[in-house]
C-alpha atoms as a PDB file:
ATOM      1  CA  MET A   1     116.050 108.588  92.200  1.00  0.00           C
ATOM      2  CA  LYS A   2     113.117 110.137  93.475  1.00  0.00           C
ATOM      3  CA  ALA A   3     109.632 108.425  94.697  1.00  0.00           C
ATOM      4  CA  THR A   4     106.950 109.197  97.075  1.00  0.00           C
ATOM      5  CA  ALA A   5     104.708 106.638  98.660  1.00  0.00           C
ATOM      6  CA  LEU A   6     101.470 106.787 100.925  1.00  0.00           C
ATOM      7  CA  ALA A   7     100.796 104.316 103.708  1.00  0.00           C
ATOM      8  CA  HIS A   8      98.382 103.945 106.117  1.00  0.00           C
ATOM      9  CA  PRO A   9      98.437 103.494 110.027  1.00  0.00           C
ATOM     10  CA  ASN A  10      97.384 100.246 111.563  1.00  0.00           C
ATOM     11  CA  ILE A  11      95.679  99.515 114.821  1.00  0.00           C
ATOM     12  CA  ALA A  12      96.683  95.971 116.615  1.00  0.00           C
ATOM     13  CA  LEU A  13      93.916  93.788 117.578  1.00  0.00           C
ATOM     14  CA  VAL A  14      96.787  91.496 119.102  1.00  0.00           C
ATOM     15  CA  LYS A  15      99.333  93.914 120.173  1.00  0.00           C
ATOM     16  CA  TYR A  16     102.775  94.126 119.826  1.00  0.00           C
ATOM     17  CA  TRP A  17     104.529  94.966 122.849  1.00  0.00           C
ATOM     18  CA  GLY A  18     108.282  94.178 123.722  1.00  0.00           C
ATOM     19  CA  LYS A  19     111.434  93.404 121.969  1.00  0.00           C
ATOM     20  CA  ARG A  20     113.634  90.259 122.246  1.00  0.00           C
ATOM     21  CA  ASP A  21     116.295  92.246 120.187  1.00  0.00           C
ATOM     22  CA  GLU A  22     116.146  96.024 120.459  1.00  0.00           C
ATOM     23  CA  ALA A  23     118.887  96.606 117.528  1.00  0.00           C
ATOM     24  CA  LEU A  24     116.962  94.587 115.034  1.00  0.00           C
ATOM     25  CA  ILE A  25     113.559  95.206 116.611  1.00  0.00           C
ATOM     26  CA  LEU A  26     112.281  91.711 116.834  1.00  0.00           C
ATOM     27  CA  PRO A  27     109.383  91.232 119.010  1.00  0.00           C
ATOM     28  CA  HIS A  28     108.728  88.615 121.771  1.00  0.00           C
ATOM     29  CA  GLN A  29     105.497  87.421 120.181  1.00  0.00           C
ATOM     30  CA  SER A  30     103.522  87.741 117.065  1.00  0.00           C
ATOM     31  CA  SER A  31     100.821  90.333 116.332  1.00  0.00           C
ATOM     32  CA  LEU A  32      97.808  91.062 114.100  1.00  0.00           C
ATOM     33  CA  SER A  33      96.569  94.308 113.024  1.00  0.00           C
ATOM     34  CA  LEU A  34      94.094  96.162 110.750  1.00  0.00           C
ATOM     35  CA  THR A  35      95.290  98.858 108.536  1.00  0.00           C
ATOM     36  CA  LEU A  36      93.101 102.024 108.807  1.00  0.00           C
ATOM     37  CA  ALA A  37      92.184 104.371 105.894  1.00  0.00           C
ATOM     38  CA  PRO A  38      91.925 107.500 105.436  1.00  0.00           C
ATOM     39  CA  MET A  39      94.670 108.310 107.861  1.00  0.00           C
ATOM     40  CA  SER A  40      97.791 108.435 106.197  1.00  0.00           C
ATOM     41  CA  VAL A  41     101.266 109.349 105.747  1.00  0.00           C
ATOM     42  CA  SER A  42     103.035 110.560 102.593  1.00  0.00           C
ATOM     43  CA  THR A  43     106.828 110.247 102.338  1.00  0.00           C
ATOM     44  CA  THR A  44     109.196 111.580  99.386  1.00  0.00           C
ATOM     45  CA  VAL A  45     112.696 110.448  99.273  1.00  0.00           C
ATOM     46  CA  GLU A  46     115.314 111.628  96.585  1.00  0.00           C
ATOM     47  CA  PHE A  47     118.861 110.265  96.480  1.00  0.00           C
ATOM     48  CA  GLY A  48     121.783 112.395  95.080  1.00  0.00           C
ATOM     49  CA  ALA A  49     120.341 115.723  95.086  1.00  0.00           C
ATOM     50  CA  VAL A  50     122.005 117.243  98.407  1.00  0.00           C
ATOM     51  CA  SER A  51     125.286 117.127  99.464  1.00  0.00           C
ATOM     52  CA  SER A  52     124.203 115.660 103.063  1.00  0.00           C
ATOM     53  CA  ASP A  53     120.955 113.794 104.395  1.00  0.00           C
ATOM     54  CA  GLN A  54     118.019 115.960 105.164  1.00  0.00           C
ATOM     55  CA  VAL A  55     115.289 114.776 107.092  1.00  0.00           C
ATOM     56  CA  GLU A  56     112.080 116.434 107.485  1.00  0.00           C
ATOM     57  CA  ILE A  57     109.012 115.236 109.314  1.00  0.00           C
ATOM     58  CA  ASN A  58     105.682 117.173 109.576  1.00  0.00           C
ATOM     59  CA  GLY A  59     107.372 120.573 108.660  1.00  0.00           C
ATOM     60  CA  HIS A  60     110.240 120.129 111.332  1.00  0.00           C
ATOM     61  CA  THR A  61     114.047 118.884 110.815  1.00  0.00           C
ATOM     62  CA  ALA A  62     114.100 115.775 112.269  1.00  0.00           C
ATOM     63  CA  LYS A  63     116.886 115.564 115.197  1.00  0.00           C
ATOM     64  CA  GLY A  64     118.356 112.916 117.722  1.00  0.00           C
ATOM     65  CA  SER A  65     116.892 109.480 117.493  1.00  0.00           C
ATOM     66  CA  GLU A  66     114.069 110.217 115.194  1.00  0.00           C
ATOM     67  CA  ARG A  67     116.749 111.174 112.613  1.00  0.00           C
ATOM     68  CA  GLU A  68     118.863 108.348 113.509  1.00  0.00           C
ATOM     69  CA  ARG A  69     115.775 105.890 112.735  1.00  0.00           C
ATOM     70  CA  VAL A  70     115.290 107.473 109.126  1.00  0.00           C
ATOM     71  CA  LEU A  71     118.901 107.381 108.347  1.00  0.00           C
ATOM     72  CA  ARG A  72     119.118 103.608 109.146  1.00  0.00           C
ATOM     73  CA  VAL A  73     116.480 102.735 106.808  1.00  0.00           C
ATOM     74  CA  LEU A  74     118.184 104.539 104.035  1.00  0.00           C
ATOM     75  CA  ASP A  75     121.500 103.496 104.883  1.00  0.00           C
ATOM     76  CA  VAL A  76     120.298  99.771 104.584  1.00  0.00           C
ATOM     77  CA  VAL A  77     119.084 100.797 100.974  1.00  0.00           C
ATOM     78  CA  ARG A  78     122.316 102.371 100.242  1.00  0.00           C
ATOM     79  CA  SER A  79     123.986  99.058 100.979  1.00  0.00           C
ATOM     80  CA  GLU A  80     121.561  96.824  99.405  1.00  0.00           C
ATOM     81  CA  THR A  81     122.401  98.837  96.183  1.00  0.00           C
ATOM     82  CA  GLY A  82     126.275  98.722  96.611  1.00  0.00           C
ATOM     83  CA  GLY A  83     126.706 102.092  98.095  1.00  0.00           C
ATOM     84  CA  ARG A  84     126.274 103.887  94.712  1.00  0.00           C
ATOM     85  CA  LEU A  85     123.524 106.230  96.130  1.00  0.00           C
ATOM     86  CA  GLY A  86     124.360 109.749  97.515  1.00  0.00           C
ATOM     87  CA  PRO A  87     123.043 111.572 100.399  1.00  0.00           C
ATOM     88  CA  ALA A  88     119.131 111.577 100.441  1.00  0.00           C
ATOM     89  CA  ARG A  89     116.615 114.039 101.017  1.00  0.00           C
ATOM     90  CA  MET A  90     113.359 112.972 102.934  1.00  0.00           C
ATOM     91  CA  VAL A  91     110.101 114.710 103.637  1.00  0.00           C
ATOM     92  CA  SER A  92     107.192 113.199 105.464  1.00  0.00           C
ATOM     93  CA  ARG A  93     103.922 114.487 106.297  1.00  0.00           C
ATOM     94  CA  GLY A  94     101.010 112.987 108.095  1.00  0.00           C
ATOM     95  CA  ASP A  95      97.227 113.830 108.354  1.00  0.00           C
ATOM     96  CA  PHE A  96      96.741 112.773 111.955  1.00  0.00           C
ATOM     97  CA  PRO A  97      98.491 113.419 115.415  1.00  0.00           C
ATOM     98  CA  ALA A  98     101.858 111.943 115.894  1.00  0.00           C
ATOM     99  CA  ALA A  99     103.327 110.278 118.978  1.00  0.00           C
ATOM    100  CA  ALA A 100      99.526 110.262 120.467  1.00  0.00           C
ATOM    101  CA  GLY A 101      99.024 106.259 120.212  1.00  0.00           C
ATOM    102  CA  LEU A 102      97.724 106.346 116.672  1.00  0.00           C
ATOM    103  CA  ALA A 103     100.576 104.471 114.959  1.00  0.00           C
ATOM    104  CA  SER A 104     101.827 107.502 112.882  1.00  0.00           C
ATOM    105  CA  SER A 105     105.374 105.967 112.914  1.00  0.00           C
ATOM    106  CA  ALA A 106     104.036 102.707 111.856  1.00  0.00           C
ATOM    107  CA  ALA A 107     102.555 104.515 108.631  1.00  0.00           C
ATOM    108  CA  GLY A 108     105.546 106.903 108.131  1.00  0.00           C
ATOM    109  CA  PHE A 109     108.024 104.122 108.209  1.00  0.00           C
ATOM    110  CA  ALA A 110     106.202 102.129 105.748  1.00  0.00           C
ATOM    111  CA  ALA A 111     105.935 104.901 103.370  1.00  0.00           C
ATOM    112  CA  LEU A 112     109.816 105.717 103.613  1.00  0.00           C
ATOM    113  CA  ALA A 113     110.358 102.029 103.093  1.00  0.00           C
ATOM    114  CA  VAL A 114     108.481 101.700  99.950  1.00  0.00           C
ATOM    115  CA  ALA A 115     109.511 105.270  98.671  1.00  0.00           C
ATOM    116  CA  ALA A 116     113.125 104.567  99.478  1.00  0.00           C
ATOM    117  CA  ARG A 117     113.170 101.222  97.472  1.00  0.00           C
ATOM    118  CA  ALA A 118     111.579 102.696  94.557  1.00  0.00           C
ATOM    119  CA  ALA A 119     113.798 105.738  94.700  1.00  0.00           C
ATOM    120  CA  ALA A 120     117.003 103.273  94.698  1.00  0.00           C
ATOM    121  CA  GLY A 121     115.460 101.336  91.593  1.00  0.00           C
ATOM    122  CA  LEU A 122     114.998  98.129  93.873  1.00  0.00           C
ATOM    123  CA  PRO A 123     111.718  96.027  92.892  1.00  0.00           C
ATOM    124  CA  ALA A 124     108.437  96.302  94.929  1.00  0.00           C
ATOM    125  CA  GLU A 125     108.415  93.344  96.997  1.00  0.00           C
ATOM    126  CA  PRO A 126     106.242  93.398 100.152  1.00  0.00           C
ATOM    127  CA  LYS A 127     108.394  90.865 102.254  1.00  0.00           C
ATOM    128  CA  ALA A 128     111.534  93.200 101.648  1.00  0.00           C
ATOM    129  CA  ALA A 129     109.700  96.274 102.328  1.00  0.00           C
ATOM    130  CA  SER A 130     107.962  95.028 105.391  1.00  0.00           C
ATOM    131  CA  ILE A 131     111.524  94.134 106.878  1.00  0.00           C
ATOM    132  CA  LEU A 132     113.080  97.367 106.007  1.00  0.00           C
ATOM    133  CA  ALA A 133     110.197  99.342 107.620  1.00  0.00           C
ATOM    134  CA  ARG A 134     110.697  97.071 110.624  1.00  0.00           C
ATOM    135  CA  LEU A 135     113.939  98.483 111.222  1.00  0.00           C
ATOM    136  CA  GLY A 136     112.449 101.853 111.741  1.00  0.00           C
ATOM    137  CA  SER A 137     109.499 101.041 113.870  1.00  0.00           C
ATOM    138  CA  GLY A 138     108.386  97.544 114.495  1.00  0.00           C
ATOM    139  CA  SER A 139     104.742  97.945 113.992  1.00  0.00           C
ATOM    140  CA  ALA A 140     105.523  99.645 110.523  1.00  0.00           C
ATOM    141  CA  CYS A 141     106.096  96.155 109.035  1.00  0.00           C
ATOM    142  CA  ARG A 142     102.260  95.849 109.114  1.00  0.00           C
ATOM    143  CA  SER A 143     101.241  98.914 107.064  1.00  0.00           C
ATOM    144  CA  VAL A 144     103.149  97.852 104.078  1.00  0.00           C
ATOM    145  CA  GLN A 145     100.267  95.750 103.151  1.00  0.00           C
ATOM    146  CA  GLY A 146      96.538  96.712 103.861  1.00  0.00           C
ATOM    147  CA  GLY A 147      93.746  94.619 105.200  1.00  0.00           C
ATOM    148  CA  ILE A 148      94.510  92.294 108.202  1.00  0.00           C
ATOM    149  CA  CYS A 149      98.200  91.571 108.630  1.00  0.00           C
ATOM    150  CA  GLU A 150     100.099  89.268 110.803  1.00  0.00           C
ATOM    151  CA  TRP A 151     103.548  90.051 111.923  1.00  0.00           C
ATOM    152  CA  ARG A 152     105.308  86.831 112.586  1.00  0.00           C
ATOM    153  CA  ARG A 153     107.642  86.773 115.442  1.00  0.00           C
ATOM    154  CA  GLY A 154     110.215  84.861 113.411  1.00  0.00           C
ATOM    155  CA  GLU A 155     112.938  82.748 115.218  1.00  0.00           C
ATOM    156  CA  ARG A 156     116.271  83.546 113.422  1.00  0.00           C
ATOM    157  CA  ALA A 157     118.566  85.677 115.188  1.00  0.00           C
ATOM    158  CA  ASP A 158     119.271  88.149 112.040  1.00  0.00           C
ATOM    159  CA  GLY A 159     115.490  88.853 111.556  1.00  0.00           C
ATOM    160  CA  ALA A 160     114.827  87.391 108.029  1.00  0.00           C
ATOM    161  CA  ASP A 161     111.885  85.706 109.182  1.00  0.00           C
ATOM    162  CA  SER A 162     110.114  88.418 111.012  1.00  0.00           C
ATOM    163  CA  TYR A 163     107.843  90.379 108.823  1.00  0.00           C
ATOM    164  CA  ALA A 164     104.207  90.786 108.150  1.00  0.00           C
ATOM    165  CA  VAL A 165     102.044  88.673 105.923  1.00  0.00           C
ATOM    166  CA  GLN A 166      98.636  89.858 104.588  1.00  0.00           C
ATOM    167  CA  ARG A 167      96.043  87.378 106.204  1.00  0.00           C
ATOM    168  CA  PHE A 168      92.946  89.242 104.736  1.00  0.00           C
ATOM    169  CA  GLU A 169      92.504  91.909 102.004  1.00  0.00           C
ATOM    170  CA  ALA A 170      90.976  94.837 102.840  1.00  0.00           C
ATOM    171  CA  GLY A 171      87.942  94.033 101.051  1.00  0.00           C
ATOM    172  CA  HIS A 172      87.629  90.779 102.910  1.00  0.00           C
ATOM    173  CA  TRP A 173      85.091  92.259 105.730  1.00  0.00           C
ATOM    174  CA  PRO A 174      83.941  95.793 104.000  1.00  0.00           C
ATOM    175  CA  GLU A 175      81.230  96.469 106.919  1.00  0.00           C
ATOM    176  CA  LEU A 176      84.169  96.254 109.604  1.00  0.00           C
ATOM    177  CA  ARG A 177      84.476  99.940 111.046  1.00  0.00           C
ATOM    178  CA  MET A 178      87.294 101.356 113.592  1.00  0.00           C
ATOM    179  CA  VAL A 179      86.169 104.795 115.074  1.00  0.00           C
ATOM    180  CA  VAL A 180      89.556 106.810 116.521  1.00  0.00           C
ATOM    181  CA  ALA A 181      88.622 108.609 119.337  1.00  0.00           C
ATOM    182  CA  ILE A 182      91.188 111.493 120.271  1.00  0.00           C
ATOM    183  CA  VAL A 183      90.587 112.651 123.628  1.00  0.00           C
ATOM    184  CA  ASN A 184      94.128 114.228 123.741  1.00  0.00           C
ATOM    185  CA  ARG A 185      96.380 115.398 121.132  1.00  0.00           C
ATOM    186  CA  ASP A 186      99.299 115.844 123.286  1.00  0.00           C
ATOM    187  CA  GLU A 187     102.646 113.685 122.500  1.00  0.00           C
ATOM    188  CA  LYS A 188     102.662 111.031 125.095  1.00  0.00           C
ATOM    189  CA  GLU A 189     105.238 111.437 127.972  1.00  0.00           C
ATOM    190  CA  VAL A 190     106.761 107.996 127.277  1.00  0.00           C
ATOM    191  CA  LYS A 191     107.247 106.921 123.987  1.00  0.00           C
ATOM    192  CA  SER A 192     106.381 103.412 122.797  1.00  0.00           C
ATOM    193  CA  ARG A 193     109.813 102.065 122.440  1.00  0.00           C
ATOM    194  CA  ASP A 194     110.836 103.153 125.729  1.00  0.00           C
ATOM    195  CA  GLY A 195     107.575 101.951 127.517  1.00  0.00           C
ATOM    196  CA  MET A 196     108.036  98.567 125.706  1.00  0.00           C
ATOM    197  CA  LYS A 197     111.831  98.160 127.240  1.00  0.00           C
ATOM    198  CA  HIS A 198     110.701  99.417 130.672  1.00  0.00           C
ATOM    199  CA  THR A 199     107.949  96.902 130.747  1.00  0.00           C
ATOM    200  CA  VAL A 200     109.861  93.833 129.418  1.00  0.00           C
ATOM    201  CA  ASP A 201     112.798  94.759 132.149  1.00  0.00           C
ATOM    202  CA  THR A 202     110.371  95.488 135.141  1.00  0.00           C
ATOM    203  CA  SER A 203     107.326  93.757 134.948  1.00  0.00           C
ATOM    204  CA  PRO A 204     106.397  90.472 136.666  1.00  0.00           C
ATOM    205  CA  TYR A 205     103.743  90.003 134.199  1.00  0.00           C
ATOM    206  CA  TYR A 206     105.575  90.183 131.040  1.00  0.00           C
ATOM    207  CA  PRO A 207     106.217  86.644 130.667  1.00  0.00           C
ATOM    208  CA  ALA A 208     102.590  85.807 130.952  1.00  0.00           C
ATOM    209  CA  TRP A 209     101.719  88.289 128.387  1.00  0.00           C
ATOM    210  CA  VAL A 210     103.991  86.786 125.530  1.00  0.00           C
ATOM    211  CA  LYS A 211     102.467  83.533 126.033  1.00  0.00           C
ATOM    212  CA  ASP A 212      98.758  84.700 126.031  1.00  0.00           C
ATOM    213  CA  ALA A 213      99.193  87.428 123.085  1.00  0.00           C
ATOM    214  CA  GLU A 214     100.833  84.677 120.817  1.00  0.00           C
ATOM    215  CA  ALA A 215      98.110  82.184 121.527  1.00  0.00           C
ATOM    216  CA  GLU A 216      95.573  85.035 120.586  1.00  0.00           C
ATOM    217  CA  VAL A 217      96.791  85.479 116.935  1.00  0.00           C
ATOM    218  CA  PRO A 218      95.347  82.232 115.434  1.00  0.00           C
ATOM    219  CA  ARG A 219      92.086  83.002 117.562  1.00  0.00           C
ATOM    220  CA  ALA A 220      91.571  86.170 115.939  1.00  0.00           C
ATOM    221  CA  VAL A 221      92.331  84.906 112.535  1.00  0.00           C
ATOM    222  CA  GLU A 222      89.623  82.615 112.807  1.00  0.00           C
ATOM    223  CA  ILE A 223      87.209  85.092 113.944  1.00  0.00           C
ATOM    224  CA  ILE A 224      88.042  87.291 110.994  1.00  0.00           C
ATOM    225  CA  GLN A 225      87.453  84.597 108.848  1.00  0.00           C
ATOM    226  CA  ARG A 226      83.770  84.004 109.829  1.00  0.00           C
ATOM    227  CA  LYS A 227      83.411  87.838 110.517  1.00  0.00           C
ATOM    228  CA  ASP A 228      82.154  87.584 114.086  1.00  0.00           C
ATOM    229  CA  LEU A 229      82.171  91.139 115.251  1.00  0.00           C
ATOM    230  CA  GLN A 230      81.402  90.307 119.013  1.00  0.00           C
ATOM    231  CA  ALA A 231      84.070  87.863 119.544  1.00  0.00           C
ATOM    232  CA  LEU A 232      86.717  89.916 117.894  1.00  0.00           C
ATOM    233  CA  GLY A 233      85.503  92.779 120.034  1.00  0.00           C
ATOM    234  CA  GLU A 234      85.804  90.768 123.108  1.00  0.00           C
ATOM    235  CA  LEU A 235      89.148  89.483 121.869  1.00  0.00           C
ATOM    236  CA  ALA A 236      90.573  93.117 121.011  1.00  0.00           C
ATOM    237  CA  GLU A 237      89.250  94.438 124.588  1.00  0.00           C
ATOM    238  CA  ARG A 238      90.940  91.610 126.745  1.00  0.00           C
ATOM    239  CA  ASN A 239      94.344  91.787 124.495  1.00  0.00           C
ATOM    240  CA  ALA A 240      94.208  95.527 124.930  1.00  0.00           C
ATOM    241  CA  TRP A 241      93.656  95.286 128.975  1.00  0.00           C
ATOM    242  CA  ARG A 242      96.440  92.651 129.335  1.00  0.00           C
ATOM    243  CA  MET A 243      98.894  94.814 127.576  1.00  0.00           C
ATOM    244  CA  HIS A 244      98.389  97.947 129.831  1.00  0.00           C
ATOM    245  CA  ALA A 245      98.167  95.524 132.810  1.00  0.00           C
ATOM    246  CA  THR A 246     101.961  94.745 132.008  1.00  0.00           C
ATOM    247  CA  SER A 247     102.949  98.295 131.969  1.00  0.00           C
ATOM    248  CA  LEU A 248     100.843  99.076 135.118  1.00  0.00           C
ATOM    249  CA  GLY A 249     102.784  96.222 136.593  1.00  0.00           C
ATOM    250  CA  ALA A 250     106.078  97.719 135.858  1.00  0.00           C
ATOM    251  CA  GLN A 251     108.492  99.493 138.125  1.00  0.00           C
ATOM    252  CA  PRO A 252     107.674 102.521 138.395  1.00  0.00           C
ATOM    253  CA  PRO A 253     104.160 101.842 136.762  1.00  0.00           C
ATOM    254  CA  LEU A 254     103.723 103.232 133.276  1.00  0.00           C
ATOM    255  CA  CYS A 255     100.166 104.270 132.646  1.00  0.00           C
ATOM    256  CA  TYR A 256      99.062 105.657 129.223  1.00  0.00           C
ATOM    257  CA  LEU A 257      95.385 106.043 130.155  1.00  0.00           C
ATOM    258  CA  HIS A 258      93.925 109.301 130.838  1.00  0.00           C
ATOM    259  CA  ALA A 259      90.461 110.236 132.609  1.00  0.00           C
ATOM    260  CA  ASN A 260      88.774 110.826 129.390  1.00  0.00           C
ATOM    261  CA  THR A 261      90.082 107.204 128.328  1.00  0.00           C
ATOM    262  CA  LEU A 262      88.722 105.395 131.145  1.00  0.00           C
ATOM    263  CA  GLY A 263      85.250 107.133 131.041  1.00  0.00           C
ATOM    264  CA  LEU A 264      84.616 106.484 127.248  1.00  0.00           C
ATOM    265  CA  ILE A 265      85.773 102.475 127.912  1.00  0.00           C
ATOM    266  CA  GLU A 266      83.165 102.609 130.920  1.00  0.00           C
ATOM    267  CA  HIS A 267      80.476 104.366 128.683  1.00  0.00           C
ATOM    268  CA  LEU A 268      81.044 101.493 125.828  1.00  0.00           C
ATOM    269  CA  ARG A 269      80.194  98.812 128.358  1.00  0.00           C
ATOM    270  CA  GLU A 270      76.767 100.556 129.240  1.00  0.00           C
ATOM    271  CA  GLN A 271      75.976 101.097 125.666  1.00  0.00           C
ATOM    272  CA  ARG A 272      76.644  97.313 124.811  1.00  0.00           C
ATOM    273  CA  LYS A 273      74.065  96.488 127.352  1.00  0.00           C
ATOM    274  CA  LYS A 274      71.436  98.692 125.299  1.00  0.00           C
ATOM    275  CA  GLY A 275      72.436  96.600 122.183  1.00  0.00           C
ATOM    276  CA  THR A 276      75.054  98.813 120.434  1.00  0.00           C
ATOM    277  CA  PRO A 277      77.733  96.562 119.135  1.00  0.00           C
ATOM    278  CA  VAL A 278      80.729  98.668 119.951  1.00  0.00           C
ATOM    279  CA  TRP A 279      84.012  97.412 121.604  1.00  0.00           C
ATOM    280  CA  PHE A 280      87.566  99.257 121.996  1.00  0.00           C
ATOM    281  CA  THR A 281      91.264  98.672 121.404  1.00  0.00           C
ATOM    282  CA  LEU A 282      94.142 101.089 122.584  1.00  0.00           C
ATOM    283  CA  ASP A 283      97.737 101.189 121.977  1.00  0.00           C
ATOM    284  CA  ALA A 284     100.334 103.048 123.946  1.00  0.00           C
ATOM    285  CA  GLY A 285      98.387 106.204 124.196  1.00  0.00           C
ATOM    286  CA  PRO A 286      95.250 107.653 125.543  1.00  0.00           C
ATOM    287  CA  ASN A 287      93.178 107.528 122.234  1.00  0.00           C
ATOM    288  CA  PRO A 288      90.673 104.474 122.180  1.00  0.00           C
ATOM    289  CA  VAL A 289      90.099 103.036 118.651  1.00  0.00           C
ATOM    290  CA  LEU A 290      86.436 101.811 118.576  1.00  0.00           C
ATOM    291  CA  LEU A 291      85.345  98.654 116.788  1.00  0.00           C
ATOM    292  CA  THR A 292      82.027  98.244 115.095  1.00  0.00           C
ATOM    293  CA  ASP A 293      80.387  97.772 112.212  1.00  0.00           C
ATOM    294  CA  ALA A 294      78.942 100.283 109.326  1.00  0.00           C
ATOM    295  CA  ALA A 295      75.301 100.262 110.556  1.00  0.00           C
ATOM    296  CA  HIS A 296      76.664 101.764 114.016  1.00  0.00           C
ATOM    297  CA  GLU A 297      79.565 103.851 113.430  1.00  0.00           C
ATOM    298  CA  VAL A 298      77.575 107.101 113.311  1.00  0.00           C
ATOM    299  CA  ALA A 299      76.297 106.019 116.796  1.00  0.00           C
ATOM    300  CA  ALA A 300      80.003 104.992 117.830  1.00  0.00           C
ATOM    301  CA  GLU A 301      81.264 108.428 116.737  1.00  0.00           C
ATOM    302  CA  ALA A 302      78.447 109.928 118.801  1.00  0.00           C
ATOM    303  CA  LEU A 303      79.545 108.165 121.965  1.00  0.00           C
ATOM    304  CA  ALA A 304      83.275 109.219 121.647  1.00  0.00           C
ATOM    305  CA  ARG A 305      82.243 112.911 121.112  1.00  0.00           C
ATOM    306  CA  ALA A 306      79.496 112.585 124.343  1.00  0.00           C
ATOM    307  CA  CYS A 307      82.578 111.504 126.303  1.00  0.00           C
ATOM    308  CA  GLY A 308      85.009 114.140 125.510  1.00  0.00           C
ATOM    309  CA  ALA A 309      86.494 113.324 122.135  1.00  0.00           C
ATOM    310  CA  VAL A 310      87.961 116.504 120.741  1.00  0.00           C
ATOM    311  CA  ASP A 311      88.300 114.663 117.304  1.00  0.00           C
ATOM    312  CA  VAL A 312      86.725 111.799 115.862  1.00  0.00           C
ATOM    313  CA  VAL A 313      88.119 109.869 112.712  1.00  0.00           C
ATOM    314  CA  ARG A 314      85.801 107.170 111.151  1.00  0.00           C
ATOM    315  CA  CYS A 315      87.968 104.352 109.483  1.00  0.00           C
ATOM    316  CA  VAL A 316      87.785 101.613 106.993  1.00  0.00           C
ATOM    317  CA  PRO A 317      89.938  98.856 106.432  1.00  0.00           C
ATOM    318  CA  GLY A 318      92.919 100.403 104.497  1.00  0.00           C
ATOM    319  CA  GLY A 319      94.730  99.486 101.445  1.00  0.00           C
ATOM    320  CA  ASP A 320      98.342  98.682 100.487  1.00  0.00           C
ATOM    321  CA  ALA A 321     101.173 101.436 100.782  1.00  0.00           C
ATOM    322  CA  VAL A 322     101.123 102.823  97.127  1.00  0.00           C
ATOM    323  CA  LEU A 323     103.778 104.720  95.232  1.00  0.00           C
ATOM    324  CA  LYS A 324     102.235 108.369  94.227  1.00  0.00           C
ATOM    325  CA  SER A 325     103.104 110.477  91.073  1.00  0.00           C
ATOM    326  CA  GLU A 326     102.883 113.994  93.320  1.00  0.00           C
ATOM    327  CA  HIS A 327     106.004 114.346  95.128  1.00  0.00           C
ATOM    328  CA  LEU A 328     106.152 116.598  98.518  1.00  0.00           C
ATOM    329  CA  PHE A 329     109.123 118.734  97.246  1.00  0.00           C
END
């Protein structure tokens, strides 16, 4: 009745931005991401050892919507096992900044889904875990498996066909690197789920975004298949710009970019002209993730630090969420 799982965050190369169903967290369009190691979140779940549900995240007792999202996932597991499980204790800890546009919730809910299912005695099924993780955080469905994963938007109203599938294993492109440039560690003022809803509801550019992003997924898959770094970098940059353009077009405008974010992005352009193959992608936050190869990751880190990054994490393609024998309590 107790299990611990470790999962990695993911960074979308083709972004998820906006829900067609808020309750089930169903997206308007498909997305494609790369799982990142070594950044990770570990989560321990135990059923039946406490008198009421306890939720701790990064050393703090979870409250409000944060707690409710965790309990929703646990309630689904309890329902799936016929209600025989008692209250749960959940402890989760990450080794990178939360709520800073680095997909901490993706790693956290993927780890929670895998750990909760294992603690309940349910079989290890990536599809089931992906659907469960999605109920906590949409992008979490893409962190259950490693490598390159596609979250298929699905068509069914109940969300049964909206989950992530692994398109390429972590070892498909071992030279691929992503360098996380942390220019600001603070929690963002507008969380992703609120920003998405605001954008969907008020941005006149949103319908065009949905059509364009859906079409980018098969293009990205083909590019990754042939391991074309320049083509992937160009696709990732334009998709990120277009996602942020929808937010800037909302009313009132929503801007996740900081001065250091823009400065770093502009510097990358100059360095590409000098022959350094480095591009960026950017989720809903100020911290760019630089896309490059193993031969240039040191140069990419130096660029990030020169442009004001307070910390830099060099990442390789990460693997699947896994169970661990060491528990957090």
